[in-house]
Protein backbone atom coordinates (compact mmCIF):
# COMPACT_ATOMS: atom_id res chain seq x y z
CA UNK A 1 -9.03 -24.82 -13.99
CA UNK A 2 -6.94 -21.94 -12.65
CA UNK A 3 -8.87 -18.70 -12.26
CA UNK A 4 -7.01 -15.50 -13.04
CA UNK A 5 -7.01 -14.21 -9.44
CA UNK A 6 -5.06 -17.27 -8.31
CA UNK A 7 -1.94 -15.93 -10.05
CA UNK A 8 -1.96 -13.10 -7.51
CA UNK A 9 -3.35 -14.79 -4.40
CA UNK A 10 -6.03 -13.82 -1.88
CA UNK A 11 -5.83 -11.36 0.99
CA UNK A 12 -7.97 -9.35 3.38
CA UNK A 13 -7.73 -5.63 4.05
CA UNK A 14 -9.17 -4.15 7.27
CA UNK A 15 -9.61 -0.37 7.33
CA UNK A 16 -9.48 1.50 10.65
CA UNK A 17 -10.61 5.06 9.85
CA UNK A 18 -9.46 6.97 12.93
CA UNK A 19 -6.34 9.06 13.60
CA UNK A 20 -5.08 11.22 16.43
CA UNK A 21 -4.60 14.08 13.94
CA UNK A 22 -5.19 14.66 10.22
CA UNK A 23 -1.98 15.21 8.26
CA UNK A 24 -2.21 18.09 5.75
CA UNK A 25 -1.02 15.97 2.81
CA UNK A 26 -3.29 12.98 3.51
CA UNK A 27 -6.20 12.14 1.20
CA UNK A 28 -6.93 8.75 2.77
CA UNK A 29 -10.25 8.02 4.44
CA UNK A 30 -9.19 9.02 7.94
CA UNK A 31 -11.03 10.94 10.64
CA UNK A 32 -10.11 12.52 13.97
CA UNK A 33 -12.36 11.58 16.87
CA UNK A 34 -12.12 11.84 20.63
CA UNK A 35 -13.69 8.52 21.50
CA UNK A 36 -14.32 5.19 19.80
CA UNK A 37 -16.56 2.34 20.93
CA UNK A 38 -14.07 -0.45 20.29
CA UNK A 39 -16.57 -3.18 21.13
CA UNK A 40 -19.02 -1.89 18.53
CA UNK A 41 -16.31 -1.70 15.90
CA UNK A 42 -15.08 -5.19 16.75
CA UNK A 43 -18.60 -6.54 16.34
CA UNK A 44 -19.01 -4.75 13.01
CA UNK A 45 -15.76 -6.14 11.63
CA UNK A 46 -16.68 -9.65 12.72
CA UNK A 47 -20.09 -9.39 11.06
CA UNK A 48 -18.50 -8.27 7.79
CA UNK A 49 -15.97 -11.10 8.01
CA UNK A 50 -18.79 -13.61 8.34
CA UNK A 51 -20.58 -12.11 5.34
CA UNK A 52 -17.44 -12.06 3.20
CA UNK A 53 -16.54 -15.63 4.10
CA UNK A 54 -19.88 -16.86 2.75
CA UNK A 55 -19.00 -15.28 -0.61
CA UNK A 56 -15.52 -16.83 -0.77
CA UNK A 57 -15.73 -20.25 0.90
CA UNK A 58 -12.64 -22.41 1.04
CA UNK A 59 -10.19 -19.81 -0.19
CA UNK A 60 -6.76 -19.79 1.43
CA UNK A 61 -5.97 -16.41 3.01
CA UNK A 62 -2.33 -15.49 2.40
CA UNK A 63 -2.25 -12.02 3.96
CA UNK A 64 -4.14 -9.68 6.27
CA UNK A 65 -3.44 -5.93 6.34
CA UNK A 66 -4.71 -3.48 8.94
CA UNK A 67 -4.56 -0.04 7.31
CA UNK A 68 -5.98 3.37 7.96
CA UNK A 69 -6.13 5.79 9.57
CA UNK A 70 -3.94 4.65 12.41
CA UNK A 71 -4.60 0.98 13.23
CA UNK A 72 -2.09 1.06 16.08
CA UNK A 73 -4.78 3.06 17.93
CA UNK A 74 -7.01 -0.03 17.89
CA UNK A 75 -7.26 -1.98 21.10
CA UNK A 76 -5.02 -5.05 20.71
CA UNK A 77 -7.87 -7.38 21.71
CA UNK A 78 -9.93 -6.05 18.79
CA UNK A 79 -7.10 -6.89 16.39
CA UNK A 80 -6.71 -10.34 17.98
CA UNK A 81 -10.44 -11.06 17.69
CA UNK A 82 -10.41 -10.08 14.00
CA UNK A 83 -7.45 -12.36 13.30
CA UNK A 84 -9.11 -15.23 15.18
CA UNK A 85 -12.30 -14.74 13.15
CA UNK A 86 -10.38 -14.82 9.87
CA UNK A 87 -8.70 -18.06 10.89
CA UNK A 88 -12.10 -19.47 11.86
CA UNK A 89 -13.87 -18.61 8.60
CA UNK A 90 -11.15 -19.41 6.02
CA UNK A 91 -8.22 -21.78 5.71
CA UNK A 92 -5.05 -19.76 6.12
CA UNK A 93 -1.51 -20.13 4.80
CA UNK A 94 1.01 -21.50 7.29
CA UNK A 95 3.13 -18.38 6.78
CA UNK A 96 0.24 -15.90 6.61
CA UNK A 97 1.55 -12.34 6.66
CA UNK A 98 -0.38 -10.08 9.06
CA UNK A 99 0.60 -6.42 8.85
CA UNK A 100 -0.50 -3.53 11.05
CA UNK A 101 0.22 0.12 10.24
CA UNK A 102 1.51 2.21 13.14
CA UNK A 103 2.42 5.80 13.79
CA UNK A 104 5.36 6.45 16.14
CA UNK A 105 3.24 8.57 18.47
CA UNK A 106 0.98 5.60 19.23
CA UNK A 107 3.75 3.08 19.89
CA UNK A 108 4.17 1.57 23.33
CA UNK A 109 6.20 -1.54 24.09
CA UNK A 110 3.32 -3.31 25.86
CA UNK A 111 0.80 -2.54 23.10
CA UNK A 112 3.23 -3.87 20.49
CA UNK A 113 3.76 -7.02 22.56
CA UNK A 114 -0.02 -7.43 22.75
CA UNK A 115 -0.39 -6.98 18.98
CA UNK A 116 2.29 -9.61 18.51
CA UNK A 117 0.51 -12.01 20.88
CA UNK A 118 -2.71 -11.43 18.98
CA UNK A 119 -1.16 -12.60 15.72
CA UNK A 120 0.39 -9.55 14.04
CA UNK A 121 3.78 -10.48 12.57
CA UNK A 122 4.69 -7.40 10.52
CA UNK A 123 4.61 -3.68 11.29
CA UNK A 124 4.54 -0.82 8.79
CA UNK A 125 5.44 2.50 10.42
CA UNK A 126 4.55 5.96 9.14
CA UNK A 127 7.76 7.74 10.10
CA UNK A 128 7.75 10.06 7.02
CA UNK A 129 10.83 12.14 7.98
CA UNK A 130 13.87 11.88 10.23
CA UNK A 131 14.17 15.51 11.28
CA UNK A 132 11.85 17.58 13.45
CA UNK A 133 11.50 20.59 11.16
CA UNK A 134 10.17 18.54 8.26
CA UNK A 135 7.95 16.47 10.56
CA UNK A 136 6.41 19.74 11.74
CA UNK A 137 5.85 20.89 8.14
CA UNK A 138 4.18 17.56 7.36
CA UNK A 139 1.86 17.97 10.33
CA UNK A 140 3.20 14.92 12.11
CA UNK A 141 2.71 14.78 15.88
CA UNK A 142 5.83 12.76 16.69
CA UNK A 143 9.48 13.83 16.81
CA UNK A 144 12.45 12.22 15.06
CA UNK A 145 13.68 10.83 18.38
CA UNK A 146 10.26 9.31 19.06
CA UNK A 147 10.31 7.77 15.59
CA UNK A 148 13.67 6.11 16.20
CA UNK A 149 12.57 4.89 19.63
CA UNK A 150 9.36 3.46 18.17
CA UNK A 151 11.34 1.72 15.45
CA UNK A 152 13.62 0.14 18.06
CA UNK A 153 10.58 -1.15 19.97
CA UNK A 154 9.08 -2.57 16.78
CA UNK A 155 12.38 -4.20 15.78
CA UNK A 156 12.65 -5.95 19.14
CA UNK A 157 9.04 -7.18 18.96
CA UNK A 158 8.53 -8.19 15.32
CA UNK A 159 10.68 -10.04 12.83
CA UNK A 160 9.52 -7.85 9.97
CA UNK A 161 9.33 -4.05 10.17
CA UNK A 162 8.88 -1.55 7.36
CA UNK A 163 8.58 2.20 7.44
CA UNK A 164 7.53 5.01 5.12
CA UNK A 165 9.40 8.16 4.24
CA UNK A 166 8.21 11.09 2.14
CA UNK A 167 10.72 12.99 0.01
CA UNK A 168 10.50 15.92 -2.37
CA UNK A 169 9.46 17.95 0.67
CA UNK A 170 9.47 21.72 1.04
CA UNK A 171 12.98 23.20 0.86
CA UNK A 172 14.55 19.71 0.78
CA UNK A 173 17.83 19.55 -1.14
CA UNK A 174 19.17 16.55 -3.00
CA UNK A 175 22.06 16.34 -0.53
CA UNK A 176 19.74 16.46 2.49
CA UNK A 177 17.60 13.65 1.08
CA UNK A 178 20.68 11.54 0.35
CA UNK A 179 21.85 11.91 3.95
CA UNK A 180 18.40 11.13 5.37
CA UNK A 181 17.90 8.09 3.14
CA UNK A 182 21.25 6.65 4.16
CA UNK A 183 20.29 7.15 7.81
CA UNK A 184 17.14 5.15 7.19
CA UNK A 185 18.98 2.38 5.38
CA UNK A 186 21.43 2.08 8.26
CA UNK A 187 18.61 1.43 10.77
CA UNK A 188 18.73 -2.35 10.17
CA UNK A 189 15.67 -2.05 7.98
CA UNK A 190 14.61 -4.66 5.41
CA UNK A 191 11.72 -2.82 3.71
CA UNK A 192 11.16 0.85 2.90
CA UNK A 193 8.27 2.61 1.20
CA UNK A 194 9.57 5.87 -0.26
CA UNK A 195 7.04 8.29 -1.71
CA UNK A 196 7.50 11.63 -3.40
CA UNK A 197 5.26 14.24 -1.82
CA UNK A 198 2.23 14.77 -4.02
CA UNK A 199 -0.23 17.60 -3.55
CA UNK A 200 -3.74 16.15 -3.55
CA UNK A 201 -6.81 18.28 -4.07
CA UNK A 202 -9.15 18.30 -1.09
CA UNK A 203 -6.29 18.21 1.42
CA UNK A 204 -4.92 21.07 3.53
CA UNK A 205 -1.77 21.06 1.37
CA UNK A 206 -3.95 21.21 -1.73
CA UNK A 207 -5.74 24.28 -0.41
CA UNK A 208 -2.43 25.97 0.50
CA UNK A 209 -0.96 25.14 -2.90
CA UNK A 210 -3.99 26.58 -4.71
CA UNK A 211 -3.63 29.77 -2.66
CA UNK A 212 0.08 30.06 -3.50
CA UNK A 213 1.10 29.44 0.10
CA UNK A 214 3.05 26.19 -0.30
CA UNK A 215 6.56 27.23 -1.27
CA UNK A 216 9.85 25.39 -1.67
CA UNK A 217 8.57 22.31 -3.52
CA UNK A 218 11.03 20.75 -6.00
CA UNK A 219 10.71 21.46 -9.71
CA UNK A 220 10.41 18.57 -12.17
CA UNK A 221 14.17 18.24 -12.69
CA UNK A 222 14.96 18.10 -8.97
CA UNK A 223 12.10 15.67 -8.37
CA UNK A 224 13.45 13.41 -11.14
CA UNK A 225 16.95 13.60 -9.66
CA UNK A 226 15.60 12.63 -6.25
CA UNK A 227 13.75 9.66 -7.73
CA UNK A 228 16.86 8.39 -9.53
CA UNK A 229 19.06 8.95 -6.48
CA UNK A 230 16.60 7.02 -4.31
CA UNK A 231 16.66 3.97 -6.56
CA UNK A 232 20.46 4.04 -6.92
CA UNK A 233 21.21 4.36 -3.20
CA UNK A 234 18.71 1.68 -2.18
CA UNK A 235 20.13 -0.71 -4.78
CA UNK A 236 23.65 -0.07 -3.44
CA UNK A 237 22.38 -0.99 0.05
CA UNK A 238 20.96 -4.29 -1.19
CA UNK A 239 17.38 -3.04 -1.19
CA UNK A 240 16.43 -2.60 -4.84
CA UNK A 241 13.05 -1.32 -5.94
CA UNK A 242 10.69 -4.24 -6.47
CA UNK A 243 7.88 -1.73 -7.14
CA UNK A 244 7.99 1.93 -8.13
CA UNK A 245 8.02 3.23 -4.54
CA UNK A 246 8.89 0.12 -2.52
CA UNK A 247 12.31 -1.30 -1.75
CA UNK A 248 13.21 -4.50 0.06
CA UNK A 249 15.86 -7.06 0.75
CA UNK A 250 15.27 -10.40 -0.91
CA UNK A 251 12.33 -12.15 0.75
CA UNK A 252 11.16 -9.06 2.66
CA UNK A 253 8.70 -7.74 0.06
CA UNK A 254 5.19 -6.88 1.25
CA UNK A 255 3.26 -9.98 0.30
CA UNK A 256 -0.06 -8.24 0.85
CA UNK A 257 0.75 -5.42 -1.55
CA UNK A 258 2.03 -7.96 -4.05
CA UNK A 259 -1.51 -9.39 -4.16
CA UNK A 260 -2.69 -5.99 -5.41
CA UNK A 261 0.14 -5.55 -7.89
CA UNK A 262 -0.12 -9.11 -9.19
CA UNK A 263 -3.87 -8.58 -9.59
CA UNK A 264 -5.11 -11.15 -7.14
CA UNK A 265 -8.39 -11.02 -5.24
CA UNK A 266 -8.83 -9.21 -1.95
CA UNK A 267 -11.66 -8.40 0.41
CA UNK A 268 -11.91 -4.85 1.71
CA UNK A 269 -13.59 -4.46 5.11
CA UNK A 270 -14.17 -1.13 6.83
CA UNK A 271 -15.23 2.39 5.82
CA UNK A 272 -14.21 3.20 2.25
CA UNK A 273 -12.41 -0.12 1.76
CA UNK A 274 -12.15 -1.39 -1.81
CA UNK A 275 -12.11 -5.02 -2.92
CA UNK A 276 -11.73 -7.20 -6.00
CA UNK A 277 -13.56 -10.53 -5.84
CA UNK A 278 -13.98 -13.20 -8.50
CA UNK A 279 -17.22 -15.21 -8.42
CA UNK A 280 -18.45 -17.67 -11.06
CA UNK A 281 -15.75 -16.57 -13.46
CA UNK A 282 -16.42 -12.83 -13.18
CA UNK A 283 -14.39 -10.27 -11.25
CA UNK A 284 -16.26 -7.66 -9.25
CA UNK A 285 -15.20 -4.35 -7.71
CA UNK A 286 -16.54 -3.54 -4.25
CA UNK A 287 -16.40 -0.33 -2.24
CA UNK A 288 -17.79 0.19 1.24
CA UNK A 289 -19.41 3.47 2.37
CA UNK A 290 -16.64 5.87 3.38
CA UNK A 291 -18.46 7.58 6.25
CA UNK A 292 -17.56 5.71 9.46
CA UNK A 293 -20.94 6.26 11.12
CA UNK A 294 -22.81 5.09 8.04
CA UNK A 295 -20.58 2.03 7.67
CA UNK A 296 -20.92 1.11 11.34
CA UNK A 297 -24.71 1.43 11.29
CA UNK A 298 -25.41 -0.17 7.90
CA UNK A 299 -22.66 -2.80 7.84
CA UNK A 300 -22.84 -3.46 4.15
CA UNK A 301 -20.94 -2.99 0.93
CA UNK A 302 -22.30 -0.97 -1.90
CA UNK A 303 -23.45 -3.21 -4.78
CA UNK A 304 -20.58 -5.10 -6.40
CA UNK A 305 -19.81 -3.83 -9.91
CA UNK A 306 -18.88 -6.39 -12.56
CA UNK A 307 -15.65 -5.43 -14.34
CA UNK A 308 -15.52 -5.73 -18.11
CA UNK A 309 -12.72 -7.66 -19.81
CA UNK A 310 -11.18 -4.33 -20.77
CA UNK A 311 -11.41 -3.05 -17.18
CA UNK A 312 -9.62 -6.12 -15.88
CA UNK A 313 -6.89 -6.06 -18.52
CA UNK A 314 -6.27 -2.36 -17.91
CA UNK A 315 -6.07 -2.83 -14.13
CA UNK A 316 -3.75 -5.80 -14.60
CA UNK A 317 -1.30 -3.71 -16.63
CA UNK A 318 -1.65 -0.60 -14.45
CA UNK A 319 -0.79 -2.59 -11.34
CA UNK A 320 1.62 -5.16 -12.73
CA UNK A 321 3.94 -2.86 -14.64
CA UNK A 322 4.75 -1.07 -11.38
CA UNK A 323 6.65 -4.22 -10.41
CA UNK A 324 10.23 -4.93 -11.41
CA UNK A 325 9.12 -8.49 -12.29
CA UNK A 326 6.79 -7.12 -14.98
CA UNK A 327 3.73 -8.87 -16.39
CA UNK A 328 2.88 -11.88 -18.53
CA UNK A 329 1.39 -10.82 -21.87
CA UNK A 330 -0.49 -14.10 -22.22
CA UNK A 331 -2.40 -13.25 -19.03
CA UNK A 332 -3.27 -9.83 -20.47
CA UNK A 333 -4.49 -11.48 -23.66
CA UNK A 334 -6.68 -13.92 -21.72
CA UNK A 335 -8.23 -11.08 -19.72
CA UNK A 336 -8.73 -8.67 -22.61
CA UNK A 337 -9.33 -10.97 -25.55
CA UNK A 338 -6.74 -9.07 -27.57
CA UNK A 339 -2.99 -8.74 -27.95
CA UNK A 340 -0.82 -5.70 -27.33
CA UNK A 341 0.19 -4.34 -30.72
CA UNK A 342 3.57 -5.69 -31.82
CA UNK A 343 4.51 -2.28 -33.22
CA UNK A 344 3.82 -0.68 -29.84
CA UNK A 345 6.06 -3.17 -28.03
CA UNK A 346 8.80 -2.68 -30.63
CA UNK A 347 8.60 1.11 -30.43
CA UNK A 348 8.77 1.20 -26.62
CA UNK A 349 11.68 -1.26 -26.68
CA UNK A 350 13.59 0.83 -29.22
CA UNK A 351 13.08 3.89 -27.04
CA UNK A 352 14.65 1.99 -24.12
CA UNK A 353 11.46 2.12 -22.06
CA UNK A 354 10.47 -1.55 -22.17
CA UNK A 355 12.19 -4.94 -22.19
CA UNK A 356 10.61 -8.19 -23.34
CA UNK A 357 11.70 -11.72 -22.52
CA UNK A 358 9.43 -14.23 -24.14
CA UNK A 359 5.89 -13.45 -23.05
CA UNK A 360 6.99 -11.23 -20.16
CA UNK A 361 7.45 -7.46 -20.42
CA UNK A 362 9.24 -5.18 -17.97
CA UNK A 363 9.52 -1.41 -17.69
CA UNK A 364 13.20 -0.39 -17.74
CA UNK A 365 14.86 1.99 -15.30
CA UNK A 366 14.44 4.71 -17.92
CA UNK A 367 10.82 3.74 -18.46
CA UNK A 368 9.85 3.84 -14.77
CA UNK A 369 10.21 7.62 -14.70
CA UNK A 370 7.68 7.93 -17.56
CA UNK A 371 5.52 4.96 -16.57
CA UNK A 372 2.22 6.75 -17.20
CA UNK A 373 3.25 7.43 -20.79
CA UNK A 374 4.30 3.80 -21.30
CA UNK A 375 0.94 2.65 -19.98
CA UNK A 376 -0.97 5.01 -22.26
CA UNK A 377 0.80 3.51 -25.27
CA UNK A 378 0.17 -0.07 -24.20
CA UNK A 379 -3.49 0.51 -23.38
CA UNK A 380 -4.34 2.41 -26.56
CA UNK A 381 -6.93 0.54 -28.62
């Protein structure tokens, strides 16, 4: 019998919590520190891998993702040992995707070669902007020239390279973003993650915004224009959006992130890492302690929380409708024990926000810009 998670696959996320500097817009679990005991962290990761493997014996690992923080600050031998341990404790797919996030300031040709030798086959780079003034505003510690040089090193070392850009930045015009995006698309790239700048509470940007000191942000109309322009230009370059903020050439999609969006199972290892694990027919949410010192010393997850049928169905829709491929309503019905109201589907379709082909529903181009509203309608009891 097929369990629901098998429709999405199984992956492993490794969180490295340390950065060289904290970006003012970042609300991820990242910390600046002067020194790290890499041997101690390696041992901790390996212990957690052994524990997790006992809970999920025999599963085929399709992807591994080193996120952070700045995982390119890890010693390459630590990364290699983690990959070796994963291969030891689980069967792995022949084409297992192993991604490591990198910041341009931490890129060196020899380190990248060592990561490649250790098993990494995909790099995701946090470039964020292609001009020095905006990089400075974003608190980045690399320059645009360093970003391009780092990308060239990555491209020569790995078959698959992605990078992130942030748009909707302070004082950024529509024309400036169009020019920058086309520069990025002309860098022989096959995957881009393109995020509108959001102001998160608890960040330095959040504090400045609350104090009225963060000027030049786009209004709703300009932000909407930037979003539409981004999707149109990427599609013209043969890199359509396969998810709200992610664009790729055919076959270059992030297989690890697809596990999340297709609502598969994944193990989260490291401070603050989240997981979704199915055991004996029930899906559980896990979350590790976010404090690095506490995680390193205690080496344990917080108690797994069983998700209700409603929780699972809601998460399935929230994740899956971000994808251009949409979701299967029969899977939603199996998870939730109920059907989406026919009148709701009809109404959203008549408004041009949703398409339906058989049992599969898709958010339209018009609907993507109001996705939260579409989801509220679909999830209403």
